[in-house]
Amino acid sequence: MVDQPVVLSESGESAEVEGPSARDVVYAERLEGGIEVVFLNQPKKKNALSAPMMGKLNALLSRADEDPAVRVVVLRGAGENFSSGGDLSQGPAAVPGPEGARLTLRRYLDVVRTVRSMAKPVIAMVDGYAVGGAFALALASDLVCASDRALFVPAFCQIGIMPEMGMCKFLPELVGAQRAKELLFFGGKIPAQRLCDWGLVNRVFPASALEEETLSFARELAAMPDASIQITKGLVNALADDNLETCLQAESTASPFCTTTRAYAATMERFAR
């Protein structure tokens, strides 16, 4: 049984909807057993991450965390991709210069803070591409299920910005500093199975079975004693994330600076053509 989708209005309040035509850039569906499935919903853009999307995603995650009926959150993309990363076509920030970039970036960083600090476990369900910030969002999640065709792309340095959304913390801790630097410097498409072998992905399923198997995984987790799961998540993350806020604060200054460089401007010129 699936409840009506939930979307957020521009004000951040929940709104009544009647099916797919009313779905927003982010929406949630409640499944039986306390599973909340949150969709990034820009499939024509491969679910590219925009500032409005991040604001609404943060609100939906916070709402799910506060709802006692929710036991597990599954985060996924609509269609065949998790997300193509930051939406380079979303236009300039309302405030020009690095100040505006910093205000925009804060919405992305707040999502990472929420995923790491919320009590309910978050499972990232990754199909297709998980690029840049979407890769970081998967790493921030508690568990990751991916399809056998999923590709993870750490695309930051290649467009002239520094890694964002905690990537400089999460990736070295998971794969080691030397391997992390190679991945971040050169980018490339990393298959899900390789990340599973490295310990970044928990389960790899055939693409045709990804949704079914991930939801089965989520139901198994949701059936466990919720207090022990939530307390364990909180303790593990508290011990692991003692310097996460330092990383995010540094990003909020360093990444906007990168947007003022000639290299970044040249990259944006190529995307604008």
Protein backbone atom coordinates (compact mmCIF):
# COMPACT_ATOMS: atom_id res chain seq x y z
CA MET A 1 0.00 0.00 0.00
CA VAL A 2 1.29 3.45 -0.98
CA ASP A 3 -0.04 6.66 0.58
CA GLN A 4 -0.57 9.82 -1.43
CA PRO A 5 2.66 11.53 -2.47
CA VAL A 6 3.74 14.44 -0.29
CA VAL A 7 5.30 17.55 -1.79
CA LEU A 8 6.33 20.85 -0.35
CA SER A 9 5.08 24.22 -1.45
CA GLU A 10 7.46 27.10 -2.07
CA SER A 11 6.95 28.08 1.57
CA GLY A 12 8.13 24.65 2.71
CA GLU A 13 4.68 23.57 3.93
CA SER A 14 3.23 20.21 2.94
CA ALA A 15 0.58 20.33 0.22
CA GLU A 16 -2.25 18.03 -0.82
CA VAL A 17 -1.61 16.37 -4.17
CA GLU A 18 -3.50 14.06 -6.51
CA GLY A 19 -0.99 11.97 -8.36
CA PRO A 20 2.02 12.48 -10.59
CA SER A 21 0.96 15.76 -12.21
CA ALA A 22 1.30 17.56 -8.87
CA ARG A 23 4.72 16.20 -7.97
CA ASP A 24 7.44 18.69 -7.27
CA VAL A 25 11.21 18.63 -7.76
CA VAL A 26 11.30 16.52 -4.58
CA TYR A 27 8.46 14.39 -3.25
CA ALA A 28 7.93 11.52 -0.83
CA GLU A 29 5.84 8.37 -0.82
CA ARG A 30 4.98 6.48 2.36
CA LEU A 31 5.06 2.69 2.08
CA GLU A 32 3.86 0.09 4.53
CA GLY A 33 6.18 -0.76 7.39
CA GLY A 34 7.29 2.79 8.06
CA ILE A 35 9.34 3.29 4.90
CA GLU A 36 9.47 6.79 3.44
CA VAL A 37 10.76 6.92 -0.13
CA VAL A 38 12.05 10.37 -1.08
CA PHE A 39 12.45 11.09 -4.79
CA LEU A 40 14.72 13.59 -6.49
CA ASN A 41 12.32 14.41 -9.29
CA GLN A 42 13.96 16.08 -12.27
CA PRO A 43 14.39 13.06 -14.55
CA LYS A 44 14.73 15.16 -17.73
CA LYS A 45 17.83 16.70 -16.13
CA LYS A 46 18.94 13.37 -14.67
CA ASN A 47 17.81 14.79 -11.30
CA ALA A 48 20.41 17.54 -11.27
CA LEU A 49 20.73 19.11 -7.84
CA SER A 50 19.51 22.71 -7.58
CA ALA A 51 19.30 25.00 -4.58
CA PRO A 52 15.45 24.84 -4.46
CA MET A 53 15.63 21.05 -4.66
CA MET A 54 18.09 20.94 -1.76
CA GLY A 55 15.91 23.21 0.37
CA LYS A 56 12.88 21.01 -0.19
CA LEU A 57 14.85 17.80 0.27
CA ASN A 58 16.11 19.05 3.62
CA ALA A 59 12.56 19.91 4.71
CA LEU A 60 11.22 16.48 3.69
CA LEU A 61 14.04 14.66 5.48
CA SER A 62 13.45 16.71 8.63
CA ARG A 63 9.73 16.01 8.39
CA ALA A 64 10.36 12.26 8.07
CA ASP A 65 12.72 12.32 11.04
CA GLU A 66 10.09 13.96 13.23
CA ASP A 67 7.32 11.57 12.17
CA PRO A 68 7.12 8.60 14.57
CA ALA A 69 5.53 6.48 11.84
CA VAL A 70 8.70 6.66 9.73
CA ARG A 71 11.37 4.10 10.53
CA VAL A 72 13.59 4.15 7.43
CA VAL A 73 14.10 6.68 4.63
CA VAL A 74 15.03 5.55 1.11
CA LEU A 75 16.53 8.31 -1.03
CA ARG A 76 16.43 7.77 -4.78
CA GLY A 77 16.19 9.51 -8.12
CA ALA A 78 13.15 9.42 -10.39
CA GLY A 79 13.81 7.57 -13.62
CA GLU A 80 17.06 5.84 -14.46
CA ASN A 81 19.55 8.05 -12.60
CA PHE A 82 20.21 8.95 -9.00
CA SER A 83 21.51 12.42 -9.92
CA SER A 84 23.84 14.09 -12.41
CA GLY A 85 25.17 16.37 -9.67
CA GLY A 86 24.91 20.13 -9.36
CA ASP A 87 22.63 21.82 -11.89
CA LEU A 88 25.00 24.06 -13.84
CA SER A 89 22.04 25.55 -15.73
CA GLN A 90 20.22 26.90 -12.67
CA GLY A 91 21.61 30.38 -13.28
CA PRO A 92 23.49 32.81 -11.07
CA ALA A 93 22.67 33.26 -7.40
CA ALA A 94 20.36 36.11 -6.41
CA VAL A 95 23.33 37.73 -4.66
CA PRO A 96 26.28 38.14 -7.07
CA GLY A 97 29.84 37.00 -6.41
CA PRO A 98 31.21 34.52 -3.86
CA GLU A 99 28.72 35.77 -1.25
CA GLY A 100 25.85 34.50 -3.38
CA ALA A 101 27.64 31.23 -4.10
CA ARG A 102 28.13 30.77 -0.36
CA LEU A 103 24.42 31.31 0.35
CA THR A 104 23.50 28.78 -2.35
CA LEU A 105 26.03 26.21 -1.14
CA ARG A 106 24.61 26.38 2.38
CA ARG A 107 21.45 24.61 1.18
CA TYR A 108 23.51 21.69 -0.10
CA LEU A 109 25.59 21.47 3.06
CA ASP A 110 22.48 21.57 5.26
CA VAL A 111 21.23 18.38 3.57
CA VAL A 112 24.47 16.61 4.53
CA ARG A 113 24.09 17.82 8.12
CA THR A 114 20.51 16.54 8.25
CA VAL A 115 21.30 13.11 6.77
CA ARG A 116 24.13 12.61 9.25
CA SER A 117 22.31 13.93 12.33
CA MET A 118 18.73 12.69 11.82
CA ALA A 119 17.80 9.67 13.91
CA LYS A 120 16.16 7.65 11.14
CA PRO A 121 18.53 5.62 8.94
CA VAL A 122 18.82 6.75 5.31
CA ILE A 123 19.39 4.26 2.48
CA ALA A 124 20.60 5.72 -0.82
CA MET A 125 19.23 3.77 -3.79
CA VAL A 126 21.55 4.54 -6.69
CA ASP A 127 20.86 3.72 -10.32
CA GLY A 128 22.54 5.25 -13.35
CA TYR A 129 24.75 8.21 -12.50
CA ALA A 130 25.67 9.66 -9.10
CA VAL A 131 27.83 12.64 -9.98
CA GLY A 132 29.61 15.20 -7.79
CA GLY A 133 27.35 16.26 -4.93
CA ALA A 134 25.10 13.26 -5.56
CA PHE A 135 28.08 10.98 -4.98
CA ALA A 136 28.76 12.86 -1.73
CA LEU A 137 25.09 12.51 -0.75
CA ALA A 138 25.32 8.75 -1.20
CA LEU A 139 28.47 8.65 0.95
CA ALA A 140 26.70 10.66 3.66
CA SER A 141 23.85 8.14 3.74
CA ASP A 142 23.88 5.29 6.25
CA LEU A 143 23.61 2.51 3.68
CA VAL A 144 23.95 2.41 -0.10
CA CYS A 145 22.25 0.01 -2.51
CA ALA A 146 23.27 0.37 -6.16
CA SER A 147 22.47 -1.22 -9.48
CA ASP A 148 25.08 -3.11 -11.45
CA ARG A 149 25.01 -0.32 -14.04
CA ALA A 150 25.42 2.52 -11.55
CA LEU A 151 28.42 4.82 -12.04
CA PHE A 152 29.80 7.15 -9.38
CA VAL A 153 31.62 10.22 -10.67
CA PRO A 154 33.57 12.53 -8.30
CA ALA A 155 33.34 15.52 -10.66
CA PHE A 156 34.46 18.62 -8.79
CA CYS A 157 38.07 19.47 -9.61
CA GLN A 158 37.36 18.78 -13.28
CA ILE A 159 34.98 21.78 -13.48
CA GLY A 160 37.18 24.06 -11.41
CA ILE A 161 35.68 23.79 -7.93
CA MET A 162 36.76 21.94 -4.82
CA PRO A 163 34.90 18.84 -3.60
CA GLU A 164 31.75 19.75 -1.68
CA MET A 165 29.16 18.23 0.69
CA GLY A 166 31.73 16.54 2.92
CA MET A 167 33.47 14.65 0.11
CA CYS A 168 36.95 15.59 1.37
CA LYS A 169 36.08 13.96 4.69
CA PHE A 170 34.00 10.95 3.65
CA LEU A 171 36.02 9.65 0.71
CA PRO A 172 39.53 9.56 2.31
CA GLU A 173 38.13 7.89 5.41
CA LEU A 174 36.51 5.18 3.30
CA VAL A 175 39.21 4.49 0.69
CA GLY A 176 42.37 6.08 2.09
CA ALA A 177 43.96 9.43 1.35
CA GLN A 178 46.07 8.41 -1.67
CA ARG A 179 43.24 6.70 -3.54
CA ALA A 180 40.84 9.50 -2.62
CA LYS A 181 43.18 12.15 -4.02
CA GLU A 182 43.56 10.26 -7.29
CA LEU A 183 39.78 9.91 -7.62
CA LEU A 184 39.16 13.57 -6.79
CA PHE A 185 41.96 14.93 -8.98
CA PHE A 186 41.19 12.89 -12.09
CA GLY A 187 37.50 12.04 -11.71
CA GLY A 188 36.28 9.23 -13.93
CA LYS A 189 33.36 6.82 -13.78
CA ILE A 190 33.61 4.31 -10.95
CA PRO A 191 31.39 1.20 -11.25
CA ALA A 192 29.21 0.30 -8.29
CA GLN A 193 30.84 -3.12 -7.90
CA ARG A 194 34.26 -1.52 -7.43
CA LEU A 195 32.86 0.75 -4.73
CA CYS A 196 31.25 -2.27 -3.10
CA ASP A 197 34.64 -3.99 -3.07
CA TRP A 198 36.09 -0.84 -1.44
CA GLY A 199 33.36 -0.74 1.20
CA LEU A 200 31.49 2.35 -0.04
CA VAL A 201 28.43 0.46 -1.32
CA ASN A 202 26.60 -2.15 0.77
CA ARG A 203 24.67 -4.07 -1.89
CA VAL A 204 24.80 -4.28 -5.69
CA PHE A 205 21.73 -5.62 -7.50
CA PRO A 206 20.77 -6.08 -11.15
CA ALA A 207 19.19 -2.87 -12.41
CA SER A 208 15.87 -4.63 -13.04
CA ALA A 209 15.72 -5.74 -9.39
CA LEU A 210 17.18 -2.66 -7.70
CA GLU A 211 13.91 -1.16 -6.46
CA GLU A 212 12.49 -4.46 -5.23
CA GLU A 213 15.69 -5.53 -3.51
CA THR A 214 16.35 -2.13 -1.93
CA LEU A 215 12.84 -1.95 -0.52
CA SER A 216 13.23 -5.50 0.82
CA PHE A 217 16.47 -4.38 2.48
CA ALA A 218 14.66 -1.33 3.90
CA ARG A 219 11.77 -3.46 5.21
CA GLU A 220 14.23 -5.75 6.98
CA LEU A 221 15.86 -2.73 8.63
CA ALA A 222 12.49 -1.14 9.49
CA ALA A 223 11.38 -4.34 11.25
CA MET A 224 14.29 -4.12 13.69
CA PRO A 225 13.98 -2.38 17.10
CA ASP A 226 13.94 1.29 16.13
CA ALA A 227 15.49 2.71 19.29
CA SER A 228 18.61 0.54 19.06
CA ILE A 229 19.05 1.30 15.35
CA GLN A 230 18.66 5.05 15.86
CA ILE A 231 20.95 5.19 18.89
CA THR A 232 23.59 3.11 17.10
CA LYS A 233 23.44 5.39 14.05
CA GLY A 234 23.78 8.44 16.29
CA LEU A 235 26.78 7.07 18.16
CA VAL A 236 28.62 5.81 15.07
CA ASN A 237 28.10 9.12 13.27
CA ALA A 238 28.99 11.20 16.32
CA LEU A 239 32.29 9.37 16.64
CA ALA A 240 33.00 9.51 12.90
CA ASP A 241 31.88 13.10 12.31
CA ASP A 242 33.80 14.98 15.00
CA ASN A 243 35.38 17.17 12.30
CA LEU A 244 32.59 17.13 9.72
CA GLU A 245 31.41 20.62 10.66
CA THR A 246 34.96 21.92 10.25
CA CYS A 247 35.01 20.43 6.75
CA LEU A 248 31.63 21.92 5.79
CA GLN A 249 32.55 25.34 7.15
CA ALA A 250 35.79 25.31 5.15
CA GLU A 251 33.87 24.32 2.01
CA SER A 252 31.46 27.22 2.48
CA THR A 253 34.37 29.63 2.00
CA ALA A 254 36.76 27.72 -0.27
CA SER A 255 34.28 26.53 -2.87
CA PRO A 256 32.77 30.00 -3.52
CA PHE A 257 36.33 31.29 -3.95
CA CYS A 258 36.89 28.70 -6.67
CA THR A 259 33.93 30.14 -8.59
CA THR A 260 35.89 33.40 -8.98
CA THR A 261 38.82 31.75 -10.79
CA ARG A 262 39.58 31.90 -14.51
CA ALA A 263 39.51 28.11 -14.75
CA TYR A 264 35.95 27.94 -13.43
CA ALA A 265 34.84 30.75 -15.75
CA ALA A 266 36.25 28.86 -18.73
CA THR A 267 34.33 25.75 -17.66
CA MET A 268 31.08 27.68 -17.40
CA GLU A 269 31.67 29.14 -20.84
CA ARG A 270 31.88 25.65 -22.31
CA PHE A 271 28.63 24.61 -20.61
CA ALA A 272 26.87 27.75 -21.85
CA ARG A 273 27.58 26.97 -25.52
